[in-house]
Each structure stands twice: as structure tokens, then as C-alpha cells.
């Protein structure tokens, strides 16, 4: 399977109740479509930090359950030299759903 990366705008975010590690993001992926993604970044980002960011989404993963929530993709991150997770974001005014590659 070829990975499909798209720009996605975080329109809502909350902590997952059953987990100390997970955030649940609601993402605008363009054309009026939203996806829900759970990501293990709660140690590094608050829900308030996430709203409004344009992130890099792996858009074609099969949905799976995480801590009782359905996650429909994966956000890309990198680890900095100190071990902190850094979200890959898109700079500038890029429309949700724009292909990355």
C-alpha cells in the first residue's frame, strides 16, 4: 500500500479519558469531510495547542480502536534531540486535503 499524505486542519481536540497519552483530534480534510485521529502526543501538546494547526495526516490507514476511540489515520511527528515529540506541520495557507509528497 502506498501511503497517502494530506494536509489536515485540526478543528477540535480533546484528551482521551481512558488514557494519559492520547489526544483525539477532529480534522478537516477538505470538501466538507472530517476524520477523527487519536495520537499519543498528550505529554507534549495540550488540546488547546492543537486547534488551528495544519498537520500532516496519513490518510489511508484502516480505522482502528485506541482506548475505546476509533482512529482513522495517523499524524506524522519527529523526535527532537531531547526526546520530545514534535508534530510535523504545514507552513503557510495550505487548503485541507492538499496532497503532500
C-alpha atoms as a PDB file:
ATOM      1  CA  UNK A   1       0.000   0.000   0.000  1.00  0.00           C
ATOM      2  CA  UNK A   2       1.311   3.427  -0.937  1.00  0.00           C
ATOM      3  CA  UNK A   3       0.983   5.913   1.946  1.00  0.00           C
ATOM      4  CA  UNK A   4      -1.185   8.939   1.139  1.00  0.00           C
ATOM      5  CA  UNK A   5      -0.210  12.127   2.982  1.00  0.00           C
ATOM      6  CA  UNK A   6      -2.515  15.141   3.096  1.00  0.00           C
ATOM      7  CA  UNK A   7      -2.685  18.463   4.910  1.00  0.00           C
ATOM      8  CA  UNK A   8      -5.388  18.452   7.586  1.00  0.00           C
ATOM      9  CA  UNK A   9      -6.634  21.290   9.795  1.00  0.00           C
ATOM     10  CA  UNK A  10      -7.255  20.491  13.479  1.00  0.00           C
ATOM     11  CA  UNK A  11     -10.748  21.842  14.208  1.00  0.00           C
ATOM     12  CA  UNK A  12     -11.215  20.232  17.647  1.00  0.00           C
ATOM     13  CA  UNK A  13      -9.098  18.326  20.125  1.00  0.00           C
ATOM     14  CA  UNK A  14      -9.641  16.686  23.497  1.00  0.00           C
ATOM     15  CA  UNK A  15      -7.876  14.322  25.893  1.00  0.00           C
ATOM     16  CA  UNK A  16      -8.971  10.697  25.718  1.00  0.00           C
ATOM     17  CA  UNK A  17     -10.467   9.831  29.121  1.00  0.00           C
ATOM     18  CA  UNK A  18      -9.092   6.292  29.341  1.00  0.00           C
ATOM     19  CA  UNK A  19      -5.508   7.317  28.503  1.00  0.00           C
ATOM     20  CA  UNK A  20      -2.803   9.658  29.780  1.00  0.00           C
ATOM     21  CA  UNK A  21      -1.017   9.558  26.408  1.00  0.00           C
ATOM     22  CA  UNK A  22      -3.749  10.055  23.807  1.00  0.00           C
ATOM     23  CA  UNK A  23      -5.347  13.130  22.295  1.00  0.00           C
ATOM     24  CA  UNK A  24      -8.365  12.812  19.994  1.00  0.00           C
ATOM     25  CA  UNK A  25      -8.265  15.295  17.109  1.00  0.00           C
ATOM     26  CA  UNK A  26     -11.087  16.133  14.729  1.00  0.00           C
ATOM     27  CA  UNK A  27      -9.528  17.023  11.384  1.00  0.00           C
ATOM     28  CA  UNK A  28     -10.867  18.900   8.369  1.00  0.00           C
ATOM     29  CA  UNK A  29      -9.525  17.033   5.336  1.00  0.00           C
ATOM     30  CA  UNK A  30     -11.261  19.157   2.725  1.00  0.00           C
ATOM     31  CA  UNK A  31     -14.523  19.072   0.790  1.00  0.00           C
ATOM     32  CA  UNK A  32     -16.585  19.098   3.999  1.00  0.00           C
ATOM     33  CA  UNK A  33     -15.085  15.803   5.205  1.00  0.00           C
ATOM     34  CA  UNK A  34     -13.744  15.289   8.731  1.00  0.00           C
ATOM     35  CA  UNK A  35     -11.752  12.458  10.271  1.00  0.00           C
ATOM     36  CA  UNK A  36     -11.031  11.551  13.863  1.00  0.00           C
ATOM     37  CA  UNK A  37      -7.476  10.622  14.801  1.00  0.00           C
ATOM     38  CA  UNK A  38      -6.043   9.526  18.140  1.00  0.00           C
ATOM     39  CA  UNK A  39      -2.381  10.323  18.664  1.00  0.00           C
ATOM     40  CA  UNK A  40      -0.016   9.616  21.555  1.00  0.00           C
ATOM     41  CA  UNK A  41       1.160  13.202  21.992  1.00  0.00           C
ATOM     42  CA  UNK A  42      -0.659  14.346  25.159  1.00  0.00           C
ATOM     43  CA  UNK A  43       2.650  14.592  27.043  1.00  0.00           C
ATOM     44  CA  UNK A  44       3.896  17.164  24.530  1.00  0.00           C
ATOM     45  CA  UNK A  45       0.766  19.060  23.374  1.00  0.00           C
ATOM     46  CA  UNK A  46      -2.398  20.261  25.084  1.00  0.00           C
ATOM     47  CA  UNK A  47      -5.738  20.165  23.260  1.00  0.00           C
ATOM     48  CA  UNK A  48      -5.634  23.987  23.120  1.00  0.00           C
ATOM     49  CA  UNK A  49      -2.203  23.855  21.402  1.00  0.00           C
ATOM     50  CA  UNK A  50      -3.576  21.640  18.656  1.00  0.00           C
ATOM     51  CA  UNK A  51      -6.662  23.543  17.460  1.00  0.00           C
ATOM     52  CA  UNK A  52      -5.894  25.586  14.358  1.00  0.00           C
ATOM     53  CA  UNK A  53      -2.720  23.716  13.351  1.00  0.00           C
ATOM     54  CA  UNK A  54      -2.383  22.333   9.841  1.00  0.00           C
ATOM     55  CA  UNK A  55      -0.807  18.912  10.258  1.00  0.00           C
ATOM     56  CA  UNK A  56       0.449  16.076   8.063  1.00  0.00           C
ATOM     57  CA  UNK A  57      -2.029  13.183   8.055  1.00  0.00           C
ATOM     58  CA  UNK A  58      -1.527   9.624   6.815  1.00  0.00           C
ATOM     59  CA  UNK A  59      -4.968   9.491   5.252  1.00  0.00           C
ATOM     60  CA  UNK A  60      -5.328   5.933   4.019  1.00  0.00           C
ATOM     61  CA  UNK A  61      -4.832   3.772   7.108  1.00  0.00           C
ATOM     62  CA  UNK A  62      -7.657   1.446   8.082  1.00  0.00           C
ATOM     63  CA  UNK A  63      -9.613   2.670  11.129  1.00  0.00           C
ATOM     64  CA  UNK A  64      -8.640   1.075  14.441  1.00  0.00           C
ATOM     65  CA  UNK A  65      -9.710   1.337  18.063  1.00  0.00           C
ATOM     66  CA  UNK A  66      -7.454   3.047  20.588  1.00  0.00           C
ATOM     67  CA  UNK A  67      -8.598   3.303  24.226  1.00  0.00           C
ATOM     68  CA  UNK A  68     -12.200   2.855  23.122  1.00  0.00           C
ATOM     69  CA  UNK A  69     -11.985   5.515  20.376  1.00  0.00           C
ATOM     70  CA  UNK A  70     -11.864   4.923  16.615  1.00  0.00           C
ATOM     71  CA  UNK A  71      -8.817   6.454  14.951  1.00  0.00           C
ATOM     72  CA  UNK A  72      -8.999   6.958  11.174  1.00  0.00           C
ATOM     73  CA  UNK A  73      -5.399   7.872  10.388  1.00  0.00           C
ATOM     74  CA  UNK A  74      -2.081   8.932  11.862  1.00  0.00           C
ATOM     75  CA  UNK A  75      -0.373  12.292  12.372  1.00  0.00           C
ATOM     76  CA  UNK A  76       3.310  12.467  11.481  1.00  0.00           C
ATOM     77  CA  UNK A  77       5.769  13.513  14.176  1.00  0.00           C
ATOM     78  CA  UNK A  78       9.522  13.555  14.734  1.00  0.00           C
ATOM     79  CA  UNK A  79      11.595  13.260  17.887  1.00  0.00           C
ATOM     80  CA  UNK A  80      13.963  16.107  18.753  1.00  0.00           C
ATOM     81  CA  UNK A  81      17.450  15.552  20.305  1.00  0.00           C
ATOM     82  CA  UNK A  82      15.966  15.857  23.829  1.00  0.00           C
ATOM     83  CA  UNK A  83      13.401  13.104  23.165  1.00  0.00           C
ATOM     84  CA  UNK A  84      10.417  15.434  22.803  1.00  0.00           C
ATOM     85  CA  UNK A  85       7.875  14.623  20.100  1.00  0.00           C
ATOM     86  CA  UNK A  86       7.378  17.390  17.539  1.00  0.00           C
ATOM     87  CA  UNK A  87       4.349  17.423  15.276  1.00  0.00           C
ATOM     88  CA  UNK A  88       5.021  17.887  11.564  1.00  0.00           C
ATOM     89  CA  UNK A  89       3.003  20.904  10.482  1.00  0.00           C
ATOM     90  CA  UNK A  90       2.415  22.691   7.201  1.00  0.00           C
ATOM     91  CA  UNK A  91       3.636  26.279   6.878  1.00  0.00           C
ATOM     92  CA  UNK A  92       1.502  28.913   5.179  1.00  0.00           C
ATOM     93  CA  UNK A  93      -2.030  28.869   3.849  1.00  0.00           C
ATOM     94  CA  UNK A  94      -2.492  25.326   2.546  1.00  0.00           C
ATOM     95  CA  UNK A  95      -6.008  24.029   1.971  1.00  0.00           C
ATOM     96  CA  UNK A  96      -7.127  20.972   3.947  1.00  0.00           C
ATOM     97  CA  UNK A  97      -6.926  17.886   1.752  1.00  0.00           C
ATOM     98  CA  UNK A  98      -3.925  19.135  -0.245  1.00  0.00           C
ATOM     99  CA  UNK A  99      -1.721  16.209  -1.148  1.00  0.00           C
ATOM    100  CA  UNK A 100       1.778  16.119   0.307  1.00  0.00           C
ATOM    101  CA  UNK A 101       4.534  14.293  -1.479  1.00  0.00           C
END
